[in-house]
């Protein structure tokens, strides 16, 4: 059985950290923002983003130059679009790892944020660090 984190009351409120718990930034007093872990989390999606752009670019090249069948362009475009969509969905539900402690971080929805966007807060109780990511914007 996994032990619960100690030392911070908000992280002791429930054993189910994978749920849709909410957390306000003010509740993270004593925690430091971990920008290196945030960059590492975002950086792991760079190759997928490049692949998406290349597939879409190849599709548009085929459409405008007519070097191959239009269906080849459609297939390349759809492959690029689905690759990008898959990366976005995966990033939304992925669990980052803290570079400080090496432990998986806990995900919370920010409760005191703007109503126009959804922001996730990733917290590592072991290293007392966190970072934030906007996962959806207005609309």
C-alpha atoms as a PDB file:
ATOM      1  CA  UNK A   1       0.000   0.000   0.000  1.00  0.00           C
ATOM      2  CA  UNK A   2       1.276   3.445  -0.935  1.00  0.00           C
ATOM      3  CA  UNK A   3       1.967   5.813   1.954  1.00  0.00           C
ATOM      4  CA  UNK A   4       0.339   9.210   2.031  1.00  0.00           C
ATOM      5  CA  UNK A   5       2.465  12.340   1.797  1.00  0.00           C
ATOM      6  CA  UNK A   6       3.187  14.153   5.020  1.00  0.00           C
ATOM      7  CA  UNK A   7       3.665  17.743   6.008  1.00  0.00           C
ATOM      8  CA  UNK A   8       0.966  19.567   4.062  1.00  0.00           C
ATOM      9  CA  UNK A   9      -2.726  19.491   5.040  1.00  0.00           C
ATOM     10  CA  UNK A  10      -4.197  19.814   1.536  1.00  0.00           C
ATOM     11  CA  UNK A  11      -2.259  16.755   0.368  1.00  0.00           C
ATOM     12  CA  UNK A  12      -3.548  14.746   3.347  1.00  0.00           C
ATOM     13  CA  UNK A  13      -7.234  15.418   2.652  1.00  0.00           C
ATOM     14  CA  UNK A  14      -7.771  12.362   0.465  1.00  0.00           C
ATOM     15  CA  UNK A  15      -6.010   9.188  -0.601  1.00  0.00           C
ATOM     16  CA  UNK A  16      -7.340   9.468  -4.175  1.00  0.00           C
ATOM     17  CA  UNK A  17      -4.944  11.885  -5.833  1.00  0.00           C
ATOM     18  CA  UNK A  18      -5.772  10.696  -9.353  1.00  0.00           C
ATOM     19  CA  UNK A  19      -9.293  12.142  -9.146  1.00  0.00           C
ATOM     20  CA  UNK A  20     -10.451  15.574 -10.091  1.00  0.00           C
ATOM     21  CA  UNK A  21      -9.354  17.284  -6.908  1.00  0.00           C
ATOM     22  CA  UNK A  22      -9.041  21.020  -6.889  1.00  0.00           C
ATOM     23  CA  UNK A  23      -6.292  23.065  -5.341  1.00  0.00           C
ATOM     24  CA  UNK A  24      -5.734  26.808  -4.940  1.00  0.00           C
ATOM     25  CA  UNK A  25      -2.279  28.326  -5.383  1.00  0.00           C
ATOM     26  CA  UNK A  26      -2.568  29.902  -1.943  1.00  0.00           C
ATOM     27  CA  UNK A  27      -2.651  26.388  -0.462  1.00  0.00           C
ATOM     28  CA  UNK A  28       0.873  25.751  -1.754  1.00  0.00           C
ATOM     29  CA  UNK A  29       2.665  27.987   0.723  1.00  0.00           C
ATOM     30  CA  UNK A  30       6.102  26.548   1.370  1.00  0.00           C
ATOM     31  CA  UNK A  31       6.237  24.897  -2.056  1.00  0.00           C
ATOM     32  CA  UNK A  32       8.560  26.144  -4.815  1.00  0.00           C
ATOM     33  CA  UNK A  33       7.690  26.366  -8.496  1.00  0.00           C
ATOM     34  CA  UNK A  34       9.640  23.759 -10.484  1.00  0.00           C
ATOM     35  CA  UNK A  35      10.125  25.285 -13.936  1.00  0.00           C
ATOM     36  CA  UNK A  36      12.710  22.655 -14.941  1.00  0.00           C
ATOM     37  CA  UNK A  37      10.166  19.840 -14.516  1.00  0.00           C
ATOM     38  CA  UNK A  38       7.602  21.874 -16.475  1.00  0.00           C
ATOM     39  CA  UNK A  39      10.070  22.339 -19.356  1.00  0.00           C
ATOM     40  CA  UNK A  40      10.977  18.637 -19.322  1.00  0.00           C
ATOM     41  CA  UNK A  41       7.292  17.690 -19.428  1.00  0.00           C
ATOM     42  CA  UNK A  42       6.612  19.973 -22.399  1.00  0.00           C
ATOM     43  CA  UNK A  43       9.844  19.007 -24.179  1.00  0.00           C
ATOM     44  CA  UNK A  44       8.861  15.352 -24.421  1.00  0.00           C
ATOM     45  CA  UNK A  45       6.098  16.329 -26.874  1.00  0.00           C
ATOM     46  CA  UNK A  46       8.411  18.228 -29.250  1.00  0.00           C
ATOM     47  CA  UNK A  47       9.130  15.253 -31.577  1.00  0.00           C
ATOM     48  CA  UNK A  48       5.392  14.574 -31.927  1.00  0.00           C
ATOM     49  CA  UNK A  49       4.753  18.235 -32.726  1.00  0.00           C
ATOM     50  CA  UNK A  50       7.472  18.179 -35.407  1.00  0.00           C
ATOM     51  CA  UNK A  51       5.991  14.999 -36.919  1.00  0.00           C
ATOM     52  CA  UNK A  52       2.535  16.598 -36.987  1.00  0.00           C
ATOM     53  CA  UNK A  53       3.833  19.673 -38.814  1.00  0.00           C
ATOM     54  CA  UNK A  54       5.799  17.556 -41.293  1.00  0.00           C
ATOM     55  CA  UNK A  55       2.796  15.365 -42.124  1.00  0.00           C
ATOM     56  CA  UNK A  56       0.514  18.374 -42.575  1.00  0.00           C
ATOM     57  CA  UNK A  57       3.180  20.159 -44.622  1.00  0.00           C
ATOM     58  CA  UNK A  58       3.603  17.139 -46.898  1.00  0.00           C
ATOM     59  CA  UNK A  59      -0.168  16.991 -47.355  1.00  0.00           C
ATOM     60  CA  UNK A  60      -0.363  20.650 -48.378  1.00  0.00           C
ATOM     61  CA  UNK A  61       2.624  20.202 -50.701  1.00  0.00           C
ATOM     62  CA  UNK A  62       0.812  17.348 -52.448  1.00  0.00           C
ATOM     63  CA  UNK A  63      -2.438  19.327 -52.640  1.00  0.00           C
ATOM     64  CA  UNK A  64      -0.848  22.386 -54.222  1.00  0.00           C
ATOM     65  CA  UNK A  65       1.742  20.759 -56.497  1.00  0.00           C
ATOM     66  CA  UNK A  66      -0.352  17.751 -57.544  1.00  0.00           C
ATOM     67  CA  UNK A  67       2.744  15.515 -57.339  1.00  0.00           C
ATOM     68  CA  UNK A  68       0.637  12.578 -56.169  1.00  0.00           C
ATOM     69  CA  UNK A  69      -2.980  11.559 -55.799  1.00  0.00           C
ATOM     70  CA  UNK A  70      -5.197  13.822 -53.755  1.00  0.00           C
ATOM     71  CA  UNK A  71      -5.981  10.810 -51.588  1.00  0.00           C
ATOM     72  CA  UNK A  72      -2.333  10.565 -50.560  1.00  0.00           C
ATOM     73  CA  UNK A  73      -2.577  14.172 -49.401  1.00  0.00           C
ATOM     74  CA  UNK A  74      -5.801  13.457 -47.524  1.00  0.00           C
ATOM     75  CA  UNK A  75      -4.243  10.457 -45.774  1.00  0.00           C
ATOM     76  CA  UNK A  76      -1.139  12.464 -44.813  1.00  0.00           C
ATOM     77  CA  UNK A  77      -3.257  15.347 -43.535  1.00  0.00           C
ATOM     78  CA  UNK A  78      -5.460  13.032 -41.452  1.00  0.00           C
ATOM     79  CA  UNK A  79      -2.390  11.231 -40.086  1.00  0.00           C
ATOM     80  CA  UNK A  80      -0.907  14.576 -39.036  1.00  0.00           C
ATOM     81  CA  UNK A  81      -4.174  15.757 -37.533  1.00  0.00           C
ATOM     82  CA  UNK A  82      -4.702  12.530 -35.565  1.00  0.00           C
ATOM     83  CA  UNK A  83      -1.078  12.525 -34.382  1.00  0.00           C
ATOM     84  CA  UNK A  84      -1.465  16.062 -33.072  1.00  0.00           C
ATOM     85  CA  UNK A  85      -4.790  15.285 -31.429  1.00  0.00           C
ATOM     86  CA  UNK A  86      -3.320  12.188 -29.796  1.00  0.00           C
ATOM     87  CA  UNK A  87      -0.420  14.212 -28.411  1.00  0.00           C
ATOM     88  CA  UNK A  88      -2.759  16.837 -26.958  1.00  0.00           C
ATOM     89  CA  UNK A  89      -4.973  14.230 -25.303  1.00  0.00           C
ATOM     90  CA  UNK A  90      -1.975  12.325 -23.960  1.00  0.00           C
ATOM     91  CA  UNK A  91      -0.400  15.497 -22.552  1.00  0.00           C
ATOM     92  CA  UNK A  92      -3.696  16.385 -20.872  1.00  0.00           C
ATOM     93  CA  UNK A  93      -3.801  13.125 -18.910  1.00  0.00           C
ATOM     94  CA  UNK A  94      -0.083  12.313 -18.565  1.00  0.00           C
ATOM     95  CA  UNK A  95       1.667  12.208 -15.212  1.00  0.00           C
ATOM     96  CA  UNK A  96       4.897  14.219 -15.160  1.00  0.00           C
ATOM     97  CA  UNK A  97       7.891  13.241 -13.049  1.00  0.00           C
ATOM     98  CA  UNK A  98       9.630  15.672 -10.733  1.00  0.00           C
ATOM     99  CA  UNK A  99      13.235  16.281 -11.747  1.00  0.00           C
ATOM    100  CA  UNK A 100      14.053  17.071  -8.113  1.00  0.00           C
ATOM    101  CA  UNK A 101      12.763  13.879  -6.453  1.00  0.00           C
ATOM    102  CA  UNK A 102      12.265  11.548  -9.425  1.00  0.00           C
ATOM    103  CA  UNK A 103       8.743  10.787  -8.168  1.00  0.00           C
ATOM    104  CA  UNK A 104       5.509  11.070 -10.179  1.00  0.00           C
ATOM    105  CA  UNK A 105       3.713  14.337  -9.530  1.00  0.00           C
ATOM    106  CA  UNK A 106       0.113  14.650  -8.369  1.00  0.00           C
ATOM    107  CA  UNK A 107      -2.378  16.428 -10.632  1.00  0.00           C
ATOM    108  CA  UNK A 108      -4.916  18.951  -9.375  1.00  0.00           C
ATOM    109  CA  UNK A 109      -7.265  21.342 -11.125  1.00  0.00           C
ATOM    110  CA  UNK A 110      -6.640  24.931 -10.077  1.00  0.00           C
ATOM    111  CA  UNK A 111      -9.674  26.165  -8.157  1.00  0.00           C
ATOM    112  CA  UNK A 112      -8.779  29.856  -7.908  1.00  0.00           C
ATOM    113  CA  UNK A 113      -7.953  30.366 -11.580  1.00  0.00           C
ATOM    114  CA  UNK A 114      -9.800  32.180 -14.324  1.00  0.00           C
ATOM    115  CA  UNK A 115     -13.210  30.892 -15.401  1.00  0.00           C
ATOM    116  CA  UNK A 116     -12.095  31.265 -19.024  1.00  0.00           C
ATOM    117  CA  UNK A 117      -9.348  28.628 -18.905  1.00  0.00           C
ATOM    118  CA  UNK A 118      -8.582  25.350 -17.157  1.00  0.00           C
ATOM    119  CA  UNK A 119      -5.260  25.167 -15.403  1.00  0.00           C
ATOM    120  CA  UNK A 120      -3.669  22.051 -13.924  1.00  0.00           C
ATOM    121  CA  UNK A 121      -1.275  22.174 -10.978  1.00  0.00           C
ATOM    122  CA  UNK A 122       1.244  19.325 -10.742  1.00  0.00           C
ATOM    123  CA  UNK A 123       2.583  18.850  -7.195  1.00  0.00           C
ATOM    124  CA  UNK A 124       5.432  16.764  -5.796  1.00  0.00           C
ATOM    125  CA  UNK A 125       4.931  16.497  -2.014  1.00  0.00           C
ATOM    126  CA  UNK A 126       8.319  14.781  -1.540  1.00  0.00           C
ATOM    127  CA  UNK A 127      10.362  17.670  -2.953  1.00  0.00           C
ATOM    128  CA  UNK A 128       7.720  20.320  -2.077  1.00  0.00           C
ATOM    129  CA  UNK A 129       7.670  21.609  -5.660  1.00  0.00           C
ATOM    130  CA  UNK A 130       4.939  22.289  -8.227  1.00  0.00           C
ATOM    131  CA  UNK A 131       4.306  23.625 -11.706  1.00  0.00           C
ATOM    132  CA  UNK A 132       1.241  24.818 -13.590  1.00  0.00           C
ATOM    133  CA  UNK A 133      -0.077  24.163 -17.117  1.00  0.00           C
ATOM    134  CA  UNK A 134      -3.044  25.626 -18.952  1.00  0.00           C
ATOM    135  CA  UNK A 135      -4.885  22.668 -20.495  1.00  0.00           C
ATOM    136  CA  UNK A 136      -7.795  24.449 -22.151  1.00  0.00           C
ATOM    137  CA  UNK A 137      -8.536  27.999 -23.096  1.00  0.00           C
ATOM    138  CA  UNK A 138     -11.651  30.040 -23.708  1.00  0.00           C
ATOM    139  CA  UNK A 139     -14.288  28.499 -25.854  1.00  0.00           C
END
